[in-house]
Amino acid sequence: SFIEGSIRSKLILFLLIAIIVPMTASIVISYFYTQDQVIEESVRSNTN
């Protein structure tokens, strides 16, 4: 109800979602991609 009754709350919530969701998704994707890359690189360098 505090969001439904306030334009200010809706505006703040929209701006936060518009920034937090993409940035969080980017961090998560980067984390798992980098993790795979690190494992691959670690296996290659340590095998050599």
All heavy atoms as atom14 arrays in JSON, in Angstrom:
{
  "sequence": "SFIEGSIRSKLILFLLIAIIVPMTASIVISYFYTQDQVIEESVRSNTN",
  "atom14_mask": [
    [1, 1, 1, 1, 1, 1, 0, 0, 0, 0, 0, 0, 0, 0],
    [1, 1, 1, 1, 1, 1, 1, 1, 1, 1, 1, 0, 0, 0],
    [1, 1, 1, 1, 1, 1, 1, 1, 0, 0, 0, 0, 0, 0],
    [1, 1, 1, 1, 1, 1, 1, 1, 1, 0, 0, 0, 0, 0],
    [1, 1, 1, 1, 0, 0, 0, 0, 0, 0, 0, 0, 0, 0],
    [1, 1, 1, 1, 1, 1, 0, 0, 0, 0, 0, 0, 0, 0],
    [1, 1, 1, 1, 1, 1, 1, 1, 0, 0, 0, 0, 0, 0],
    [1, 1, 1, 1, 1, 1, 1, 1, 1, 1, 1, 0, 0, 0],
    [1, 1, 1, 1, 1, 1, 0, 0, 0, 0, 0, 0, 0, 0],
    [1, 1, 1, 1, 1, 1, 1, 1, 1, 0, 0, 0, 0, 0],
    [1, 1, 1, 1, 1, 1, 1, 1, 0, 0, 0, 0, 0, 0],
    [1, 1, 1, 1, 1, 1, 1, 1, 0, 0, 0, 0, 0, 0],
    [1, 1, 1, 1, 1, 1, 1, 1, 0, 0, 0, 0, 0, 0],
    [1, 1, 1, 1, 1, 1, 1, 1, 1, 1, 1, 0, 0, 0],
    [1, 1, 1, 1, 1, 1, 1, 1, 0, 0, 0, 0, 0, 0],
    [1, 1, 1, 1, 1, 1, 1, 1, 0, 0, 0, 0, 0, 0],
    [1, 1, 1, 1, 1, 1, 1, 1, 0, 0, 0, 0, 0, 0],
    [1, 1, 1, 1, 1, 0, 0, 0, 0, 0, 0, 0, 0, 0],
    [1, 1, 1, 1, 1, 1, 1, 1, 0, 0, 0, 0, 0, 0],
    [1, 1, 1, 1, 1, 1, 1, 1, 0, 0, 0, 0, 0, 0],
    [1, 1, 1, 1, 1, 1, 1, 0, 0, 0, 0, 0, 0, 0],
    [1, 1, 1, 1, 1, 1, 1, 0, 0, 0, 0, 0, 0, 0],
    [1, 1, 1, 1, 1, 1, 1, 1, 0, 0, 0, 0, 0, 0],
    [1, 1, 1, 1, 1, 1, 1, 0, 0, 0, 0, 0, 0, 0],
    [1, 1, 1, 1, 1, 0, 0, 0, 0, 0, 0, 0, 0, 0],
    [1, 1, 1, 1, 1, 1, 0, 0, 0, 0, 0, 0, 0, 0],
    [1, 1, 1, 1, 1, 1, 1, 1, 0, 0, 0, 0, 0, 0],
    [1, 1, 1, 1, 1, 1, 1, 0, 0, 0, 0, 0, 0, 0],
    [1, 1, 1, 1, 1, 1, 1, 1, 0, 0, 0, 0, 0, 0],
    [1, 1, 1, 1, 1, 1, 0, 0, 0, 0, 0, 0, 0, 0],
    [1, 1, 1, 1, 1, 1, 1, 1, 1, 1, 1, 1, 0, 0],
    [1, 1, 1, 1, 1, 1, 1, 1, 1, 1, 1, 0, 0, 0],
    [1, 1, 1, 1, 1, 1, 1, 1, 1, 1, 1, 1, 0, 0],
    [1, 1, 1, 1, 1, 1, 1, 0, 0, 0, 0, 0, 0, 0],
    [1, 1, 1, 1, 1, 1, 1, 1, 1, 0, 0, 0, 0, 0],
    [1, 1, 1, 1, 1, 1, 1, 1, 0, 0, 0, 0, 0, 0],
    [1, 1, 1, 1, 1, 1, 1, 1, 1, 0, 0, 0, 0, 0],
    [1, 1, 1, 1, 1, 1, 1, 0, 0, 0, 0, 0, 0, 0],
    [1, 1, 1, 1, 1, 1, 1, 1, 0, 0, 0, 0, 0, 0],
    [1, 1, 1, 1, 1, 1, 1, 1, 1, 0, 0, 0, 0, 0],
    [1, 1, 1, 1, 1, 1, 1, 1, 1, 0, 0, 0, 0, 0],
    [1, 1, 1, 1, 1, 1, 0, 0, 0, 0, 0, 0, 0, 0],
    [1, 1, 1, 1, 1, 1, 1, 0, 0, 0, 0, 0, 0, 0],
    [1, 1, 1, 1, 1, 1, 1, 1, 1, 1, 1, 0, 0, 0],
    [1, 1, 1, 1, 1, 1, 0, 0, 0, 0, 0, 0, 0, 0],
    [1, 1, 1, 1, 1, 1, 1, 1, 0, 0, 0, 0, 0, 0],
    [1, 1, 1, 1, 1, 1, 1, 0, 0, 0, 0, 0, 0, 0],
    [1, 1, 1, 1, 1, 1, 1, 1, 0, 0, 0, 0, 0, 0]
  ],
  "atom14_positions": [
    [[0.82, -1.21, 0.0], [0.0, 0.0, 0.0], [0.85, 1.26, 0.0], [0.47, 2.28, -0.56], [-0.92, 0.0, 1.22], [-0.16, -0.11, 2.42], [0.0, 0.0, 0.0], [0.0, 0.0, 0.0], [0.0, 0.0, 0.0], [0.0, 0.0, 0.0], [0.0, 0.0, 0.0], [0.0, 0.0, 0.0], [0.0, 0.0, 0.0], [0.0, 0.0, 0.0]],
    [[2.03, 1.21, 0.62], [2.87, 2.4, 0.66], [3.41, 2.75, -0.72], [3.76, 3.9, -0.99], [4.04, 2.2, 1.63], [5.1, 1.24, 1.13], [6.24, 1.7, 0.5], [4.93, -0.13, 1.3], [7.19, 0.81, 0.05], [5.89, -1.01, 0.86], [7.01, -0.54, 0.22], [0.0, 0.0, 0.0], [0.0, 0.0, 0.0], [0.0, 0.0, 0.0]],
    [[3.47, 1.76, -1.63], [3.9, 2.04, -3.01], [2.72, 2.48, -3.85], [2.81, 3.41, -4.65], [4.58, 0.79, -3.62], [5.89, 0.5, -2.87], [4.83, 0.98, -5.1], [6.59, -0.74, -3.39], [0.0, 0.0, 0.0], [0.0, 0.0, 0.0], [0.0, 0.0, 0.0], [0.0, 0.0, 0.0], [0.0, 0.0, 0.0], [0.0, 0.0, 0.0]],
    [[1.58, 1.82, -3.65], [0.41, 2.14, -4.45], [-0.06, 3.57, -4.21], [-0.62, 4.2, -5.09], [-0.71, 1.15, -4.12], [-0.4, -0.28, -4.55], [-1.51, -1.23, -4.16], [-2.46, -0.77, -3.5], [-1.44, -2.42, -4.53], [0.0, 0.0, 0.0], [0.0, 0.0, 0.0], [0.0, 0.0, 0.0], [0.0, 0.0, 0.0], [0.0, 0.0, 0.0]],
    [[0.17, 4.1, -3.01], [-0.35, 5.41, -2.69], [0.65, 6.53, -2.81], [0.38, 7.64, -2.37], [0.0, 0.0, 0.0], [0.0, 0.0, 0.0], [0.0, 0.0, 0.0], [0.0, 0.0, 0.0], [0.0, 0.0, 0.0], [0.0, 0.0, 0.0], [0.0, 0.0, 0.0], [0.0, 0.0, 0.0], [0.0, 0.0, 0.0], [0.0, 0.0, 0.0]],
    [[1.8, 6.31, -3.39], [2.84, 7.35, -3.43], [3.56, 7.33, -4.77], [4.15, 6.33, -5.15], [3.83, 7.13, -2.28], [4.93, 8.02, -2.4], [0.0, 0.0, 0.0], [0.0, 0.0, 0.0], [0.0, 0.0, 0.0], [0.0, 0.0, 0.0], [0.0, 0.0, 0.0], [0.0, 0.0, 0.0], [0.0, 0.0, 0.0], [0.0, 0.0, 0.0]],
    [[3.5, 8.46, -5.47], [4.26, 8.59, -6.72], [5.75, 8.57, -6.44], [6.54, 7.99, -7.18], [3.85, 9.89, -7.44], [2.39, 9.83, -7.86], [4.75, 10.15, -8.64], [1.88, 11.08, -8.51], [0.0, 0.0, 0.0], [0.0, 0.0, 0.0], [0.0, 0.0, 0.0], [0.0, 0.0, 0.0], [0.0, 0.0, 0.0], [0.0, 0.0, 0.0]],
    [[6.14, 9.19, -5.32], [7.56, 9.23, -4.97], [8.1, 7.82, -4.76], [9.17, 7.48, -5.24], [7.76, 10.08, -3.71], [9.21, 10.17, -3.24], [9.35, 11.02, -2.0], [8.91, 12.39, -2.26], [8.93, 13.33, -1.32], [9.34, 13.05, -0.1], [8.52, 14.54, -1.59], [0.0, 0.0, 0.0], [0.0, 0.0, 0.0], [0.0, 0.0, 0.0]],
    [[7.33, 6.99, -4.03], [7.78, 5.62, -3.79], [7.87, 4.84, -5.09], [8.81, 4.07, -5.32], [6.82, 4.92, -2.83], [6.78, 5.6, -1.59], [0.0, 0.0, 0.0], [0.0, 0.0, 0.0], [0.0, 0.0, 0.0], [0.0, 0.0, 0.0], [0.0, 0.0, 0.0], [0.0, 0.0, 0.0], [0.0, 0.0, 0.0], [0.0, 0.0, 0.0]],
    [[6.89, 5.03, -5.98], [6.92, 4.34, -7.26], [8.13, 4.77, -8.09], [8.8, 3.95, -8.72], [5.64, 4.62, -8.04], [4.39, 4.01, -7.42], [3.15, 4.4, -8.21], [1.9, 3.82, -7.57], [0.67, 4.24, -8.28], [0.0, 0.0, 0.0], [0.0, 0.0, 0.0], [0.0, 0.0, 0.0], [0.0, 0.0, 0.0], [0.0, 0.0, 0.0]],
    [[8.42, 6.07, -8.08], [9.55, 6.58, -8.86], [10.86, 6.02, -8.33], [11.72, 5.56, -9.1], [9.56, 8.11, -8.82], [10.67, 8.81, -9.6], [10.61, 8.44, -11.08], [10.58, 10.32, -9.43], [0.0, 0.0, 0.0], [0.0, 0.0, 0.0], [0.0, 0.0, 0.0], [0.0, 0.0, 0.0], [0.0, 0.0, 0.0], [0.0, 0.0, 0.0]],
    [[11.04, 6.05, -7.0], [12.27, 5.52, -6.41], [12.4, 4.03, -6.68], [13.46, 3.53, -7.06], [12.29, 5.8, -4.89], [12.38, 7.31, -4.63], [13.45, 5.09, -4.23], [12.27, 7.68, -3.17], [0.0, 0.0, 0.0], [0.0, 0.0, 0.0], [0.0, 0.0, 0.0], [0.0, 0.0, 0.0], [0.0, 0.0, 0.0], [0.0, 0.0, 0.0]],
    [[11.29, 3.28, -6.52], [11.32, 1.85, -6.76], [11.67, 1.54, -8.21], [12.47, 0.64, -8.5], [9.96, 1.24, -6.4], [9.84, -0.27, -6.58], [10.81, -1.0, -5.65], [8.42, -0.74, -6.31], [0.0, 0.0, 0.0], [0.0, 0.0, 0.0], [0.0, 0.0, 0.0], [0.0, 0.0, 0.0], [0.0, 0.0, 0.0], [0.0, 0.0, 0.0]],
    [[11.1, 2.3, -9.15], [11.39, 2.07, -10.56], [12.86, 2.32, -10.86], [13.51, 1.53, -11.56], [10.52, 2.99, -11.42], [10.91, 2.98, -12.88], [10.56, 1.91, -13.7], [11.63, 4.03, -13.43], [10.93, 1.9, -15.03], [12.0, 4.01, -14.76], [11.65, 2.94, -15.56], [0.0, 0.0, 0.0], [0.0, 0.0, 0.0], [0.0, 0.0, 0.0]],
    [[13.4, 3.42, -10.34], [14.81, 3.74, -10.6], [15.73, 2.67, -9.99], [16.72, 2.28, -10.61], [15.15, 5.12, -10.04], [14.5, 6.31, -10.77], [14.82, 7.6, -10.04], [14.98, 6.39, -12.21], [0.0, 0.0, 0.0], [0.0, 0.0, 0.0], [0.0, 0.0, 0.0], [0.0, 0.0, 0.0], [0.0, 0.0, 0.0], [0.0, 0.0, 0.0]],
    [[15.39, 2.21, -8.79], [16.22, 1.19, -8.16], [16.17, -0.12, -8.94], [17.2, -0.76, -9.17], [15.75, 0.96, -6.72], [16.03, 2.09, -5.73], [15.46, 1.75, -4.36], [17.52, 2.37, -5.62], [0.0, 0.0, 0.0], [0.0, 0.0, 0.0], [0.0, 0.0, 0.0], [0.0, 0.0, 0.0], [0.0, 0.0, 0.0], [0.0, 0.0, 0.0]],
    [[14.97, -0.51, -9.36], [14.85, -1.75, -10.13], [15.6, -1.61, -11.46], [16.28, -2.55, -11.91], [13.36, -2.09, -10.36], [12.71, -2.48, -9.03], [13.22, -3.23, -11.37], [11.23, -2.73, -9.14], [0.0, 0.0, 0.0], [0.0, 0.0, 0.0], [0.0, 0.0, 0.0], [0.0, 0.0, 0.0], [0.0, 0.0, 0.0], [0.0, 0.0, 0.0]],
    [[15.46, -0.45, -12.1], [16.09, -0.24, -13.4], [17.61, -0.32, -13.33], [18.27, -0.62, -14.33], [15.67, 1.12, -13.97], [0.0, 0.0, 0.0], [0.0, 0.0, 0.0], [0.0, 0.0, 0.0], [0.0, 0.0, 0.0], [0.0, 0.0, 0.0], [0.0, 0.0, 0.0], [0.0, 0.0, 0.0], [0.0, 0.0, 0.0], [0.0, 0.0, 0.0]],
    [[18.17, -0.06, -12.15], [19.63, -0.1, -12.01], [20.1, -1.41, -11.35], [21.01, -2.07, -11.84], [20.12, 1.11, -11.18], [19.77, 2.42, -11.91], [21.61, 1.02, -10.94], [20.4, 2.56, -13.29], [0.0, 0.0, 0.0], [0.0, 0.0, 0.0], [0.0, 0.0, 0.0], [0.0, 0.0, 0.0], [0.0, 0.0, 0.0], [0.0, 0.0, 0.0]],
    [[19.43, -1.78, -10.27], [19.9, -2.93, -9.49], [19.78, -4.22, -10.27], [20.69, -5.06, -10.29], [19.12, -3.02, -8.16], [19.47, -1.82, -7.28], [19.45, -4.32, -7.43], [18.67, -1.78, -5.99], [0.0, 0.0, 0.0], [0.0, 0.0, 0.0], [0.0, 0.0, 0.0], [0.0, 0.0, 0.0], [0.0, 0.0, 0.0], [0.0, 0.0, 0.0]],
    [[18.64, -4.42, -10.96], [18.43, -5.68, -11.67], [19.49, -5.89, -12.76], [20.13, -6.95, -12.81], [17.0, -5.74, -12.25], [16.84, -6.94, -13.17], [15.98, -5.81, -11.12], [0.0, 0.0, 0.0], [0.0, 0.0, 0.0], [0.0, 0.0, 0.0], [0.0, 0.0, 0.0], [0.0, 0.0, 0.0], [0.0, 0.0, 0.0], [0.0, 0.0, 0.0]],
    [[19.72, -4.91, -13.67], [20.77, -5.14, -14.69], [22.16, -5.32, -14.09], [22.92, -6.18, -14.53], [20.69, -3.88, -15.57], [19.33, -3.33, -15.34], [19.01, -3.65, -13.91], [0.0, 0.0, 0.0], [0.0, 0.0, 0.0], [0.0, 0.0, 0.0], [0.0, 0.0, 0.0], [0.0, 0.0, 0.0], [0.0, 0.0, 0.0], [0.0, 0.0, 0.0]],
    [[22.48, -4.51, -13.07], [23.82, -4.61, -12.48], [23.99, -5.94, -11.77], [25.05, -6.58, -11.86], [24.06, -3.44, -11.52], [24.17, -2.09, -12.21], [24.66, -0.78, -11.08], [26.34, -1.26, -10.73], [0.0, 0.0, 0.0], [0.0, 0.0, 0.0], [0.0, 0.0, 0.0], [0.0, 0.0, 0.0], [0.0, 0.0, 0.0], [0.0, 0.0, 0.0]],
    [[22.96, -6.37, -11.04], [23.05, -7.66, -10.35], [23.18, -8.8, -11.35], [23.98, -9.73, -11.17], [21.81, -7.87, -9.46], [21.71, -6.78, -8.53], [21.92, -9.17, -8.7], [0.0, 0.0, 0.0], [0.0, 0.0, 0.0], [0.0, 0.0, 0.0], [0.0, 0.0, 0.0], [0.0, 0.0, 0.0], [0.0, 0.0, 0.0], [0.0, 0.0, 0.0]],
    [[22.37, -8.73, -12.42], [22.45, -9.76, -13.46], [23.83, -9.78, -14.09], [24.4, -10.85, -14.36], [21.38, -9.53, -14.51], [0.0, 0.0, 0.0], [0.0, 0.0, 0.0], [0.0, 0.0, 0.0], [0.0, 0.0, 0.0], [0.0, 0.0, 0.0], [0.0, 0.0, 0.0], [0.0, 0.0, 0.0], [0.0, 0.0, 0.0], [0.0, 0.0, 0.0]],
    [[24.39, -8.59, -14.32], [25.73, -8.51, -14.92], [26.78, -9.13, -14.0], [27.66, -9.86, -14.46], [26.07, -7.04, -15.2], [27.39, -6.93, -15.68], [0.0, 0.0, 0.0], [0.0, 0.0, 0.0], [0.0, 0.0, 0.0], [0.0, 0.0, 0.0], [0.0, 0.0, 0.0], [0.0, 0.0, 0.0], [0.0, 0.0, 0.0], [0.0, 0.0, 0.0]],
    [[26.67, -8.84, -12.7], [27.64, -9.39, -11.75], [27.52, -10.91, -11.68], [28.53, -11.63, -11.68], [27.42, -8.77, -10.36], [27.85, -7.28, -10.38], [28.2, -9.52, -9.29], [27.59, -6.56, -9.09], [0.0, 0.0, 0.0], [0.0, 0.0, 0.0], [0.0, 0.0, 0.0], [0.0, 0.0, 0.0], [0.0, 0.0, 0.0], [0.0, 0.0, 0.0]],
    [[26.28, -11.41, -11.64], [26.09, -12.86, -11.55], [26.62, -13.55, -12.8], [27.34, -14.56, -12.72], [24.59, -13.19, -11.35], [24.35, -14.69, -11.45], [24.13, -12.67, -9.99], [0.0, 0.0, 0.0], [0.0, 0.0, 0.0], [0.0, 0.0, 0.0], [0.0, 0.0, 0.0], [0.0, 0.0, 0.0], [0.0, 0.0, 0.0], [0.0, 0.0, 0.0]],
    [[26.27, -13.0, -13.98], [26.75, -13.6, -15.24], [28.27, -13.55, -15.31], [28.93, -14.52, -15.69], [26.1, -12.88, -16.43], [24.58, -13.15, -16.45], [26.72, -13.35, -17.74], [23.84, -12.34, -17.48], [0.0, 0.0, 0.0], [0.0, 0.0, 0.0], [0.0, 0.0, 0.0], [0.0, 0.0, 0.0], [0.0, 0.0, 0.0], [0.0, 0.0, 0.0]],
    [[28.82, -12.38, -14.94], [30.28, -12.24, -14.96], [30.95, -13.2, -14.0], [32.0, -13.77, -14.3], [30.67, -10.8, -14.6], [30.14, -9.89, -15.54], [0.0, 0.0, 0.0], [0.0, 0.0, 0.0], [0.0, 0.0, 0.0], [0.0, 0.0, 0.0], [0.0, 0.0, 0.0], [0.0, 0.0, 0.0], [0.0, 0.0, 0.0], [0.0, 0.0, 0.0]],
    [[30.29, -13.4, -12.84], [30.87, -14.29, -11.84], [30.98, -15.72, -12.39], [32.06, -16.34, -12.33], [30.03, -14.26, -10.58], [30.47, -15.26, -9.53], [31.54, -14.98, -8.69], [29.82, -16.48, -9.39], [31.96, -15.89, -7.73], [30.24, -17.4, -8.43], [31.3, -17.1, -7.61], [31.72, -18.01, -6.68], [0.0, 0.0, 0.0], [0.0, 0.0, 0.0]],
    [[29.87, -16.23, -12.93], [29.89, -17.61, -13.4], [30.76, -17.75, -14.66], [31.46, -18.76, -14.82], [28.47, -18.09, -13.68], [27.68, -18.36, -12.44], [26.69, -17.5, -12.02], [27.96, -19.48, -11.66], [25.96, -17.75, -10.87], [27.24, -19.75, -10.51], [26.25, -18.87, -10.11], [0.0, 0.0, 0.0], [0.0, 0.0, 0.0], [0.0, 0.0, 0.0]],
    [[30.73, -16.75, -15.53], [31.58, -16.83, -16.73], [33.04, -16.79, -16.33], [33.86, -17.58, -16.82], [31.24, -15.68, -17.67], [32.14, -15.63, -18.88], [31.95, -16.5, -19.95], [33.19, -14.71, -18.96], [32.78, -16.47, -21.06], [34.02, -14.66, -20.06], [33.81, -15.54, -21.11], [34.63, -15.5, -22.21], [0.0, 0.0, 0.0], [0.0, 0.0, 0.0]],
    [[33.39, -15.85, -15.43], [34.77, -15.73, -14.98], [35.2, -16.99, -14.23], [36.35, -17.44, -14.34], [34.94, -14.5, -14.08], [34.45, -13.36, -14.76], [36.39, -14.3, -13.71], [0.0, 0.0, 0.0], [0.0, 0.0, 0.0], [0.0, 0.0, 0.0], [0.0, 0.0, 0.0], [0.0, 0.0, 0.0], [0.0, 0.0, 0.0], [0.0, 0.0, 0.0]],
    [[34.26, -17.56, -13.48], [34.56, -18.79, -12.74], [34.96, -19.91, -13.7], [35.95, -20.61, -13.48], [33.34, -19.18, -11.92], [33.59, -20.34, -10.96], [32.33, -20.68, -10.18], [31.29, -20.94, -10.74], [32.45, -20.66, -8.87], [0.0, 0.0, 0.0], [0.0, 0.0, 0.0], [0.0, 0.0, 0.0], [0.0, 0.0, 0.0], [0.0, 0.0, 0.0]],
    [[34.19, -20.07, -14.78], [34.52, -21.09, -15.76], [35.86, -20.8, -16.42], [36.67, -21.72, -16.66], [33.42, -21.16, -16.82], [32.1, -21.68, -16.26], [32.16, -22.34, -15.21], [31.05, -21.41, -16.86], [0.0, 0.0, 0.0], [0.0, 0.0, 0.0], [0.0, 0.0, 0.0], [0.0, 0.0, 0.0], [0.0, 0.0, 0.0], [0.0, 0.0, 0.0]],
    [[36.09, -19.52, -16.72], [37.36, -19.15, -17.35], [38.53, -19.42, -16.41], [39.59, -19.89, -16.84], [37.34, -17.67, -17.74], [36.37, -17.34, -18.87], [36.77, -18.01, -20.17], [36.13, -18.95, -20.61], [37.83, -17.54, -20.79], [0.0, 0.0, 0.0], [0.0, 0.0, 0.0], [0.0, 0.0, 0.0], [0.0, 0.0, 0.0], [0.0, 0.0, 0.0]],
    [[38.33, -19.11, -15.12], [39.4, -19.33, -14.15], [39.71, -20.81, -14.02], [40.88, -21.22, -13.97], [39.0, -18.72, -12.78], [39.91, -19.23, -11.67], [39.06, -17.21, -12.86], [0.0, 0.0, 0.0], [0.0, 0.0, 0.0], [0.0, 0.0, 0.0], [0.0, 0.0, 0.0], [0.0, 0.0, 0.0], [0.0, 0.0, 0.0], [0.0, 0.0, 0.0]],
    [[38.66, -21.63, -13.97], [38.87, -23.08, -13.87], [39.62, -23.59, -15.09], [40.59, -24.37, -14.98], [37.52, -23.8, -13.71], [36.89, -23.44, -12.36], [37.7, -25.3, -13.83], [35.5, -24.01, -12.16], [0.0, 0.0, 0.0], [0.0, 0.0, 0.0], [0.0, 0.0, 0.0], [0.0, 0.0, 0.0], [0.0, 0.0, 0.0], [0.0, 0.0, 0.0]],
    [[39.18, -23.15, -16.26], [39.83, -23.6, -17.49], [41.29, -23.18, -17.54], [42.18, -23.98, -17.88], [39.07, -23.03, -18.69], [39.6, -23.5, -20.02], [38.8, -22.93, -21.18], [37.67, -22.42, -20.94], [39.3, -22.97, -22.33], [0.0, 0.0, 0.0], [0.0, 0.0, 0.0], [0.0, 0.0, 0.0], [0.0, 0.0, 0.0], [0.0, 0.0, 0.0]],
    [[41.54, -21.91, -17.17], [42.91, -21.42, -17.19], [43.75, -22.11, -16.12], [44.93, -22.44, -16.34], [42.91, -19.9, -16.96], [44.29, -19.27, -16.89], [45.09, -19.46, -18.17], [44.47, -19.59, -19.26], [46.34, -19.48, -18.1], [0.0, 0.0, 0.0], [0.0, 0.0, 0.0], [0.0, 0.0, 0.0], [0.0, 0.0, 0.0], [0.0, 0.0, 0.0]],
    [[43.14, -22.33, -14.93], [43.87, -22.99, -13.86], [44.24, -24.41, -14.24], [45.37, -24.87, -13.99], [43.03, -22.97, -12.58], [43.7, -23.61, -11.53], [0.0, 0.0, 0.0], [0.0, 0.0, 0.0], [0.0, 0.0, 0.0], [0.0, 0.0, 0.0], [0.0, 0.0, 0.0], [0.0, 0.0, 0.0], [0.0, 0.0, 0.0], [0.0, 0.0, 0.0]],
    [[43.3, -25.13, -14.88], [43.58, -26.5, -15.31], [44.71, -26.51, -16.33], [45.65, -27.32, -16.25], [42.31, -27.16, -15.87], [42.65, -28.47, -16.58], [41.29, -27.38, -14.77], [0.0, 0.0, 0.0], [0.0, 0.0, 0.0], [0.0, 0.0, 0.0], [0.0, 0.0, 0.0], [0.0, 0.0, 0.0], [0.0, 0.0, 0.0], [0.0, 0.0, 0.0]],
    [[44.65, -25.61, -17.29], [45.66, -25.58, -18.35], [47.04, -25.25, -17.79], [48.03, -25.94, -18.07], [45.26, -24.56, -19.42], [46.26, -24.5, -20.59], [45.74, -23.64, -21.73], [45.39, -22.3, -21.31], [44.15, -21.85, -21.2], [43.13, -22.65, -21.47], [43.9, -20.62, -20.8], [0.0, 0.0, 0.0], [0.0, 0.0, 0.0], [0.0, 0.0, 0.0]],
    [[47.11, -24.19, -16.96], [48.42, -23.77, -16.44], [48.99, -24.81, -15.47], [50.19, -25.11, -15.51], [48.29, -22.41, -15.74], [47.41, -22.5, -14.64], [0.0, 0.0, 0.0], [0.0, 0.0, 0.0], [0.0, 0.0, 0.0], [0.0, 0.0, 0.0], [0.0, 0.0, 0.0], [0.0, 0.0, 0.0], [0.0, 0.0, 0.0], [0.0, 0.0, 0.0]],
    [[48.14, -25.38, -14.63], [48.63, -26.35, -13.67], [48.99, -27.68, -14.33], [49.93, -28.35, -13.9], [47.59, -26.59, -12.57], [47.59, -25.5, -11.52], [48.48, -25.44, -10.68], [46.59, -24.64, -11.57], [0.0, 0.0, 0.0], [0.0, 0.0, 0.0], [0.0, 0.0, 0.0], [0.0, 0.0, 0.0], [0.0, 0.0, 0.0], [0.0, 0.0, 0.0]],
    [[48.28, -28.04, -15.38], [48.64, -29.25, -16.12], [50.02, -29.1, -16.75], [50.87, -30.01, -16.68], [47.59, -29.55, -17.2], [46.32, -29.75, -16.57], [47.96, -30.78, -17.99], [0.0, 0.0, 0.0], [0.0, 0.0, 0.0], [0.0, 0.0, 0.0], [0.0, 0.0, 0.0], [0.0, 0.0, 0.0], [0.0, 0.0, 0.0], [0.0, 0.0, 0.0]],
    [[50.27, -27.95, -17.35], [51.6, -27.69, -17.94], [52.67, -27.67, -16.87], [53.78, -28.2, -17.06], [51.58, -26.36, -18.7], [50.69, -26.4, -19.92], [50.43, -27.48, -20.49], [50.2, -25.26, -20.35], [0.0, 0.0, 0.0], [0.0, 0.0, 0.0], [0.0, 0.0, 0.0], [0.0, 0.0, 0.0], [0.0, 0.0, 0.0], [0.0, 0.0, 0.0]]
  ]
}
